[in-house]
N, C-alpha and C. Protein backbone atom coordinates (compact mmCIF):
# COMPACT_ATOMS: atom_id res chain seq x y z
N MET A 1 42.85 314.50 134.66
CA MET A 1 41.96 312.95 134.64
C MET A 1 42.34 312.17 135.38
N LYS A 2 41.61 311.93 136.41
CA LYS A 2 42.15 310.44 137.16
C LYS A 2 41.59 309.19 136.40
N VAL A 3 42.63 308.25 136.41
CA VAL A 3 42.42 306.91 135.50
C VAL A 3 43.08 305.92 135.65
N ILE A 4 42.45 304.97 135.89
CA ILE A 4 42.83 303.51 136.43
C ILE A 4 43.53 302.71 135.06
N LEU A 5 44.96 302.87 135.41
CA LEU A 5 45.63 301.77 134.56
C LEU A 5 45.41 300.02 134.45
N MET A 6 44.92 299.74 132.69
CA MET A 6 44.55 298.35 132.79
C MET A 6 45.73 297.98 132.27
N ALA A 7 46.65 298.39 131.75
CA ALA A 7 48.10 297.50 131.46
C ALA A 7 49.61 298.33 131.78
N ASP A 8 50.24 298.15 131.72
CA ASP A 8 51.37 298.56 132.03
C ASP A 8 51.56 299.69 130.95
N VAL A 9 51.86 300.70 131.74
CA VAL A 9 52.42 302.07 130.63
C VAL A 9 53.43 302.70 130.90
N LYS A 10 54.29 302.55 129.89
CA LYS A 10 55.96 303.30 129.89
C LYS A 10 56.12 304.66 130.36
N ASN A 11 56.41 304.93 131.44
CA ASN A 11 56.74 306.19 131.92
C ASN A 11 55.21 306.85 133.05
N LEU A 12 54.81 306.12 133.06
CA LEU A 12 53.26 306.21 133.64
C LEU A 12 52.79 305.65 134.90
N GLY A 13 52.54 304.25 134.60
CA GLY A 13 52.45 302.96 135.95
C GLY A 13 52.50 301.90 135.45
N LYS A 14 52.08 301.19 136.36
CA LYS A 14 51.65 299.59 136.54
C LYS A 14 50.27 299.38 136.28
N LYS A 15 49.56 298.32 135.86
CA LYS A 15 48.71 297.61 135.64
C LYS A 15 47.66 297.87 137.18
N GLY A 16 46.86 298.50 137.07
CA GLY A 16 45.77 298.28 138.53
C GLY A 16 46.05 299.77 139.45
N ASP A 17 47.18 300.69 138.72
CA ASP A 17 47.48 302.01 139.32
C ASP A 17 46.65 303.00 138.73
N LEU A 18 46.49 303.84 140.28
CA LEU A 18 45.70 304.75 140.06
C LEU A 18 46.53 306.45 139.59
N VAL A 19 46.05 307.19 138.32
CA VAL A 19 47.28 308.11 138.07
C VAL A 19 46.10 308.87 137.46
N GLN A 20 47.23 310.57 137.50
CA GLN A 20 46.42 311.39 137.57
C GLN A 20 47.05 311.95 135.96
N VAL A 21 46.39 312.36 134.94
CA VAL A 21 46.98 312.55 133.51
C VAL A 21 46.04 313.55 133.16
N ALA A 22 46.92 314.34 131.70
CA ALA A 22 45.87 315.52 131.15
C ALA A 22 45.00 314.50 130.34
N ASP A 23 43.64 315.20 130.73
CA ASP A 23 42.75 315.17 129.51
C ASP A 23 42.95 314.61 127.99
N GLY A 24 43.49 315.55 127.34
CA GLY A 24 43.49 314.92 126.23
C GLY A 24 44.39 313.57 126.12
N TYR A 25 45.17 313.49 126.41
CA TYR A 25 46.02 312.42 126.62
C TYR A 25 45.13 310.96 127.43
N ALA A 26 44.64 311.11 128.35
CA ALA A 26 43.29 310.05 128.46
C ALA A 26 42.47 309.83 127.15
N ARG A 27 41.81 310.85 127.01
CA ARG A 27 40.35 311.04 125.92
C ARG A 27 41.24 310.08 124.54
N ASN A 28 42.49 310.85 124.43
CA ASN A 28 43.07 310.20 122.53
C ASN A 28 44.04 309.62 122.50
N TYR A 29 44.43 309.02 124.11
CA TYR A 29 45.63 308.09 123.83
C TYR A 29 44.89 306.63 124.93
N LEU A 30 44.60 306.76 125.54
CA LEU A 30 44.51 305.79 126.81
C LEU A 30 43.60 305.25 126.88
N LEU A 31 42.23 306.14 126.68
CA LEU A 31 41.06 305.37 126.97
C LEU A 31 40.61 304.60 125.18
N PRO A 32 40.82 305.05 124.18
CA PRO A 32 40.73 304.23 123.11
C PRO A 32 41.03 302.96 123.02
N ARG A 33 42.39 302.64 123.21
CA ARG A 33 43.47 301.57 123.12
C ARG A 33 43.20 300.89 124.37
N GLY A 34 42.11 301.23 125.09
CA GLY A 34 41.92 300.36 126.51
C GLY A 34 42.66 300.08 127.27
N LEU A 35 44.23 300.80 127.26
CA LEU A 35 44.82 301.07 128.51
C LEU A 35 44.18 301.37 129.90
N ALA A 36 43.40 302.67 129.73
CA ALA A 36 42.86 302.69 130.92
C ALA A 36 41.48 302.80 131.03
N LEU A 37 41.12 302.93 132.24
CA LEU A 37 39.41 303.47 132.78
C LEU A 37 39.45 305.07 133.54
N VAL A 38 38.53 305.69 133.02
CA VAL A 38 38.22 306.55 134.17
C VAL A 38 37.95 305.83 135.57
N ALA A 39 38.57 306.89 136.11
CA ALA A 39 38.33 306.48 137.41
C ALA A 39 37.24 307.29 138.49
N THR A 40 36.03 306.30 138.37
CA THR A 40 34.79 306.39 138.87
C THR A 40 34.99 306.31 140.11
N GLU A 41 34.12 306.18 141.30
CA GLU A 41 34.32 306.04 142.69
C GLU A 41 34.19 304.72 143.27
N ASP A 42 33.00 304.34 142.05
CA ASP A 42 33.09 302.55 142.42
C ASP A 42 33.98 301.79 141.69
N LYS A 43 34.75 302.44 140.95
CA LYS A 43 36.03 301.77 140.21
C LYS A 43 37.17 301.66 141.18
N VAL A 44 37.15 302.87 141.37
CA VAL A 44 38.19 302.98 142.69
C VAL A 44 38.01 301.97 144.19
N LYS A 45 37.05 302.09 144.44
CA LYS A 45 36.48 301.23 145.46
C LYS A 45 37.25 299.69 144.88
N GLN A 46 35.87 299.18 144.02
CA GLN A 46 36.48 297.80 143.49
C GLN A 46 38.10 297.66 143.35
N LEU A 47 38.35 298.90 142.76
CA LEU A 47 40.21 298.22 142.66
C LEU A 47 41.03 298.44 144.00
N ALA A 48 40.20 298.76 145.01
CA ALA A 48 40.73 298.39 145.89
C ALA A 48 40.57 297.52 147.16
N ARG A 49 39.28 296.64 146.54
CA ARG A 49 38.95 295.32 147.12
C ARG A 49 39.63 294.14 146.01
N GLN A 50 40.12 294.46 145.12
CA GLN A 50 40.94 293.30 144.39
C GLN A 50 42.01 293.69 144.94
N ARG A 51 42.84 294.81 145.27
CA ARG A 51 44.22 294.71 145.78
C ARG A 51 43.96 294.06 147.30
N ASP A 52 43.11 294.54 148.01
CA ASP A 52 43.26 293.70 149.59
C ASP A 52 42.96 292.16 149.58
N GLY A 53 41.96 291.83 148.29
CA GLY A 53 42.27 290.22 148.19
C GLY A 53 43.09 289.58 147.89
N ALA A 54 43.81 290.33 146.68
CA ALA A 54 44.87 289.95 146.43
C ALA A 54 46.03 290.25 147.57
N ALA A 55 46.33 290.85 148.29
CA ALA A 55 47.22 290.66 148.57
C ALA A 55 47.05 289.75 150.10
N ARG A 56 45.50 289.21 150.67
CA ARG A 56 45.28 288.40 151.22
C ARG A 56 45.83 286.79 150.91
N ARG A 57 45.79 287.22 149.69
CA ARG A 57 45.97 285.37 148.88
C ARG A 57 47.48 285.39 149.04
N LYS A 58 48.18 286.58 148.78
CA LYS A 58 49.59 286.18 148.70
C LYS A 58 49.87 285.97 150.07
N MET A 59 49.27 287.12 151.14
CA MET A 59 49.52 286.46 152.57
C MET A 59 49.83 284.79 152.94
N LYS A 60 48.61 284.48 152.54
CA LYS A 60 48.21 282.98 152.61
C LYS A 60 49.13 281.84 151.83
N GLU A 61 49.17 282.29 150.74
CA GLU A 61 50.71 281.60 150.16
C GLU A 61 51.59 281.58 150.72
N GLU A 62 52.34 283.06 151.10
CA GLU A 62 53.81 282.86 152.32
C GLU A 62 52.89 282.12 153.03
N GLU A 63 52.61 282.05 154.13
CA GLU A 63 52.16 281.36 154.97
C GLU A 63 52.43 279.65 155.12
N ARG A 64 51.73 279.01 153.47
CA ARG A 64 51.81 277.72 153.43
C ARG A 64 53.04 277.39 152.98
N SER A 65 53.50 278.61 152.46
CA SER A 65 54.95 278.17 152.14
C SER A 65 55.91 277.85 153.14
N ARG A 66 56.15 279.00 154.18
CA ARG A 66 56.31 278.51 155.83
C ARG A 66 56.16 277.24 156.24
N GLU A 67 54.74 277.04 156.33
CA GLU A 67 54.85 275.83 156.93
C GLU A 67 55.66 274.81 156.36
N LEU A 68 55.40 274.94 154.96
CA LEU A 68 56.06 273.45 154.10
C LEU A 68 57.18 273.26 154.47
N ALA A 69 58.21 274.67 154.42
CA ALA A 69 59.67 274.81 154.68
C ALA A 69 60.07 274.02 156.06
N ALA A 70 58.92 274.57 156.97
CA ALA A 70 59.28 273.76 158.11
C ALA A 70 59.76 272.44 158.27
N ARG A 71 58.13 271.41 157.36
CA ARG A 71 58.43 270.46 157.52
C ARG A 71 59.32 269.79 156.58
N LEU A 72 60.17 270.38 155.69
CA LEU A 72 61.19 270.19 154.39
C LEU A 72 62.19 270.26 155.12
N ASP A 73 62.86 271.30 156.09
CA ASP A 73 63.94 271.54 156.95
C ASP A 73 64.74 270.51 157.65
N GLY A 74 65.39 269.89 156.91
CA GLY A 74 66.38 268.71 157.85
C GLY A 74 65.72 267.26 157.43
N LEU A 75 65.23 267.43 156.19
CA LEU A 75 64.82 265.90 155.77
C LEU A 75 65.31 265.29 154.67
N THR A 76 65.49 264.19 154.77
CA THR A 76 66.46 263.40 154.19
C THR A 76 66.04 262.47 152.97
N VAL A 77 66.12 262.76 151.48
CA VAL A 77 65.32 262.02 150.58
C VAL A 77 66.36 260.80 149.94
N ARG A 78 65.73 259.68 149.56
CA ARG A 78 66.79 258.82 149.30
C ARG A 78 66.17 258.24 147.87
N VAL A 79 67.30 258.54 146.86
CA VAL A 79 66.37 258.64 145.17
C VAL A 79 67.88 257.08 145.24
N TYR A 80 66.95 256.45 144.03
CA TYR A 80 68.12 255.17 143.72
C TYR A 80 68.35 255.38 142.45
N GLY A 81 69.51 255.06 141.90
CA GLY A 81 70.11 254.96 140.22
C GLY A 81 70.95 253.81 140.21
N LYS A 82 71.38 253.24 138.98
CA LYS A 82 72.21 252.29 138.55
C LYS A 82 73.40 253.12 138.67
N ALA A 83 74.45 252.62 139.52
CA ALA A 83 75.53 252.69 139.30
C ALA A 83 76.08 252.24 138.60
N GLY A 84 78.01 252.67 138.20
CA GLY A 84 78.89 252.12 137.55
C GLY A 84 79.81 251.77 138.93
N GLU A 85 81.06 251.75 138.20
CA GLU A 85 82.23 251.48 139.03
C GLU A 85 82.51 253.04 139.55
N ARG A 86 83.25 253.24 140.61
CA ARG A 86 83.95 254.32 141.31
C ARG A 86 82.23 254.98 141.70
N GLY A 87 80.98 254.82 141.83
CA GLY A 87 79.99 255.22 142.38
C GLY A 87 79.19 256.09 141.58
N ARG A 88 79.75 256.11 140.15
CA ARG A 88 79.20 256.98 138.71
C ARG A 88 77.97 256.71 138.42
N LEU A 89 77.06 257.30 138.39
CA LEU A 89 75.46 257.14 137.92
C LEU A 89 75.63 256.55 136.54
N PHE A 90 74.62 255.73 135.96
CA PHE A 90 74.21 255.76 134.66
C PHE A 90 73.48 256.65 134.54
N GLY A 91 73.43 257.91 133.66
CA GLY A 91 72.60 259.09 133.39
C GLY A 91 72.93 260.29 135.18
N SER A 92 72.32 260.71 135.63
CA SER A 92 72.11 261.29 136.41
C SER A 92 70.62 261.39 137.42
N VAL A 93 70.77 262.38 138.55
CA VAL A 93 69.16 262.81 139.42
C VAL A 93 69.77 264.22 139.18
N ASN A 94 68.09 264.34 138.87
CA ASN A 94 67.81 265.78 138.73
C ASN A 94 66.64 266.30 139.41
N ASN A 95 66.08 267.22 139.49
CA ASN A 95 65.36 267.99 140.35
C ASN A 95 63.82 267.48 139.91
N LYS A 96 63.41 266.75 139.06
CA LYS A 96 62.32 266.06 138.80
C LYS A 96 62.15 264.54 139.71
N ASP A 97 63.48 263.77 139.65
CA ASP A 97 64.05 262.49 140.75
C ASP A 97 63.32 262.92 141.84
N ILE A 98 63.94 264.11 142.29
CA ILE A 98 64.26 264.54 143.57
C ILE A 98 62.57 264.91 144.24
N ALA A 99 61.62 265.52 143.80
CA ALA A 99 60.37 265.80 143.84
C ALA A 99 59.45 264.48 143.48
N GLU A 100 59.62 263.26 142.96
CA GLU A 100 58.89 262.36 143.00
C GLU A 100 59.69 261.86 144.14
N ALA A 101 60.53 261.28 144.74
CA ALA A 101 61.14 260.51 145.94
C ALA A 101 60.50 261.55 146.82
N LEU A 102 60.52 262.89 147.00
CA LEU A 102 59.90 262.99 147.87
C LEU A 102 58.53 263.14 148.42
N GLN A 103 57.77 262.91 147.00
CA GLN A 103 56.42 262.57 147.05
C GLN A 103 55.65 261.29 147.52
N LYS A 104 56.39 260.48 146.92
CA LYS A 104 56.60 258.82 147.08
C LYS A 104 56.46 258.23 148.79
N GLU A 105 58.00 259.24 149.32
CA GLU A 105 58.51 258.90 150.63
C GLU A 105 58.00 259.52 152.08
N HIS A 106 57.94 260.64 151.30
CA HIS A 106 57.32 261.36 152.66
C HIS A 106 55.74 261.94 152.42
N GLY A 107 55.40 261.78 151.23
CA GLY A 107 53.93 262.48 150.66
C GLY A 107 53.82 263.91 151.01
N ILE A 108 54.86 264.57 150.63
CA ILE A 108 55.22 266.08 150.41
C ILE A 108 55.32 266.19 148.61
N GLU A 109 54.37 267.36 148.26
CA GLU A 109 54.31 267.34 146.70
C GLU A 109 54.96 268.67 146.67
N VAL A 110 55.90 269.10 145.85
CA VAL A 110 57.13 270.30 145.70
C VAL A 110 57.23 270.28 144.28
N ASP A 111 56.77 271.17 143.91
CA ASP A 111 56.91 271.81 142.25
C ASP A 111 58.03 271.42 141.88
N LYS A 112 58.82 270.71 141.35
CA LYS A 112 59.78 270.75 140.50
C LYS A 112 61.26 271.62 140.27
N ARG A 113 59.95 273.06 140.14
CA ARG A 113 61.06 273.59 139.26
C ARG A 113 61.33 274.74 140.64
N LYS A 114 60.86 274.40 141.98
CA LYS A 114 61.42 274.76 143.10
C LYS A 114 62.63 274.34 143.54
N ILE A 115 63.08 273.32 143.33
CA ILE A 115 63.91 272.60 143.89
C ILE A 115 65.21 272.72 143.15
N ILE A 116 66.05 273.64 143.73
CA ILE A 116 67.32 274.22 142.84
C ILE A 116 68.33 273.21 143.17
N LEU A 117 69.27 272.89 141.97
CA LEU A 117 70.55 272.50 141.62
C LEU A 117 71.12 272.64 140.88
N LYS A 118 72.47 273.51 141.17
CA LYS A 118 73.31 273.64 140.49
C LYS A 118 73.63 273.27 139.13
N GLU A 119 73.52 271.67 139.27
CA GLU A 119 73.99 270.80 137.89
C GLU A 119 73.05 269.48 138.85
N PRO A 120 72.92 268.57 137.64
CA PRO A 120 72.60 267.25 138.18
C PRO A 120 73.45 266.51 138.60
N ILE A 121 73.24 265.78 139.84
CA ILE A 121 73.84 264.74 140.55
C ILE A 121 74.14 263.53 139.48
N LYS A 122 75.39 263.45 139.67
CA LYS A 122 76.01 262.40 138.98
C LYS A 122 76.68 261.17 139.27
N GLN A 123 76.61 261.47 140.64
CA GLN A 123 77.42 260.51 141.40
C GLN A 123 76.69 260.07 142.68
N LEU A 124 77.17 258.89 143.29
CA LEU A 124 76.74 258.10 144.58
C LEU A 124 76.82 259.14 145.61
N GLY A 125 76.05 259.11 146.73
CA GLY A 125 76.41 260.00 147.89
C GLY A 125 75.11 261.01 148.49
N THR A 126 75.82 261.99 149.64
CA THR A 126 74.61 262.99 150.06
C THR A 126 75.19 263.82 149.65
N TYR A 127 73.96 264.62 149.25
CA TYR A 127 74.11 265.90 148.96
C TYR A 127 73.04 266.88 149.72
N PRO A 128 73.57 267.75 149.95
CA PRO A 128 72.37 268.87 150.49
C PRO A 128 71.99 270.17 149.15
N VAL A 129 70.35 269.97 149.36
CA VAL A 129 69.75 270.48 148.23
C VAL A 129 68.64 271.57 148.40
N GLN A 130 68.85 273.10 148.01
CA GLN A 130 68.04 273.79 148.21
C GLN A 130 66.42 273.74 147.95
N VAL A 131 65.54 274.09 148.37
CA VAL A 131 63.78 274.24 147.76
C VAL A 131 63.94 275.79 148.16
N ARG A 132 63.99 276.45 147.09
CA ARG A 132 63.01 277.83 147.06
C ARG A 132 61.59 277.99 146.95
N LEU A 133 60.85 277.74 147.96
CA LEU A 133 59.34 277.58 147.93
C LEU A 133 58.37 279.41 147.64
N TYR A 134 58.95 280.32 148.03
CA TYR A 134 58.87 281.42 148.15
C TYR A 134 59.66 281.99 148.03
N PRO A 135 59.24 283.92 147.65
CA PRO A 135 60.71 284.45 147.24
C PRO A 135 61.37 284.39 148.51
N GLN A 136 61.26 284.93 149.20
CA GLN A 136 62.29 285.18 150.95
C GLN A 136 61.90 283.47 151.82
N VAL A 137 61.22 282.64 151.15
CA VAL A 137 60.74 281.18 151.96
C VAL A 137 61.96 280.51 151.47
N GLU A 138 62.75 279.49 152.04
CA GLU A 138 63.51 278.75 151.69
C GLU A 138 64.03 277.31 152.19
N ALA A 139 64.05 276.17 152.19
CA ALA A 139 64.58 275.29 152.69
C ALA A 139 65.74 274.69 152.47
N ARG A 140 66.37 273.55 153.24
CA ARG A 140 66.94 272.65 152.42
C ARG A 140 66.98 271.14 153.31
N LEU A 141 66.97 270.40 152.14
CA LEU A 141 67.08 268.92 152.56
C LEU A 141 68.22 268.48 151.98
N THR A 142 68.38 266.93 152.65
CA THR A 142 69.27 266.25 151.76
C THR A 142 69.13 265.24 150.96
N VAL A 143 69.78 265.07 150.03
CA VAL A 143 69.47 264.13 148.89
C VAL A 143 70.29 263.02 148.99
N GLN A 144 70.31 261.41 149.30
CA GLN A 144 71.36 260.26 149.19
C GLN A 144 70.59 259.88 148.09
N VAL A 145 72.09 259.55 147.58
CA VAL A 145 71.58 258.78 146.16
C VAL A 145 72.25 257.69 146.16
N LEU A 146 71.63 256.66 146.01
CA LEU A 146 71.77 254.90 146.51
C LEU A 146 71.48 254.61 145.25
N ALA A 147 72.65 253.33 145.30
CA ALA A 147 72.72 252.33 144.11
C ALA A 147 71.29 251.50 144.30
N GLY A 148 70.79 251.58 143.56
CA GLY A 148 69.51 250.44 143.52
C GLY A 148 68.83 250.06 141.91
C-alpha cells in the first residue's frame, strides 16, 4: 500500500514522503496513529503542489538573502560605547548592538541571530564580522567600535 507520511517515521521516511509499505503495517500502525494517509491520486497531486510551493518560497528567500548580502558586503557599521583607559569598553558589543546600529545607520534590518561573533567585542577598534543570511549565503561587514 502506498501512503503519504504525515510525520517523520524512523527507518521509513520523512514527513511528506510517498512510501510503499505492507498493508498490515499501514492499517494497524501508521493510519491509526495519524502518521500516514492513504495515497490517493488527489492527495499525491496536492503533495506535489505543496512541494512546488515550498521550493518556490525557498528560492525567493535565497534570492532575497543574496541581494541583502550584496548590500551588506564591505559595509562599515559604527557602534559607540563607553571606554576606559587603554580602549577597554565598559561592557561589550554583541550581535544585538550591531543589528541595531545597522538598522539605525543604513536602514537594513538583519536578525541578530544571523550576525556571527565568536565572542563579544570588548576593545575599541575595527573588527570584521560575518553575517550568515542563508545556509550558503554569507556577507562580511566591518564594525568600528568607537568611544562615545
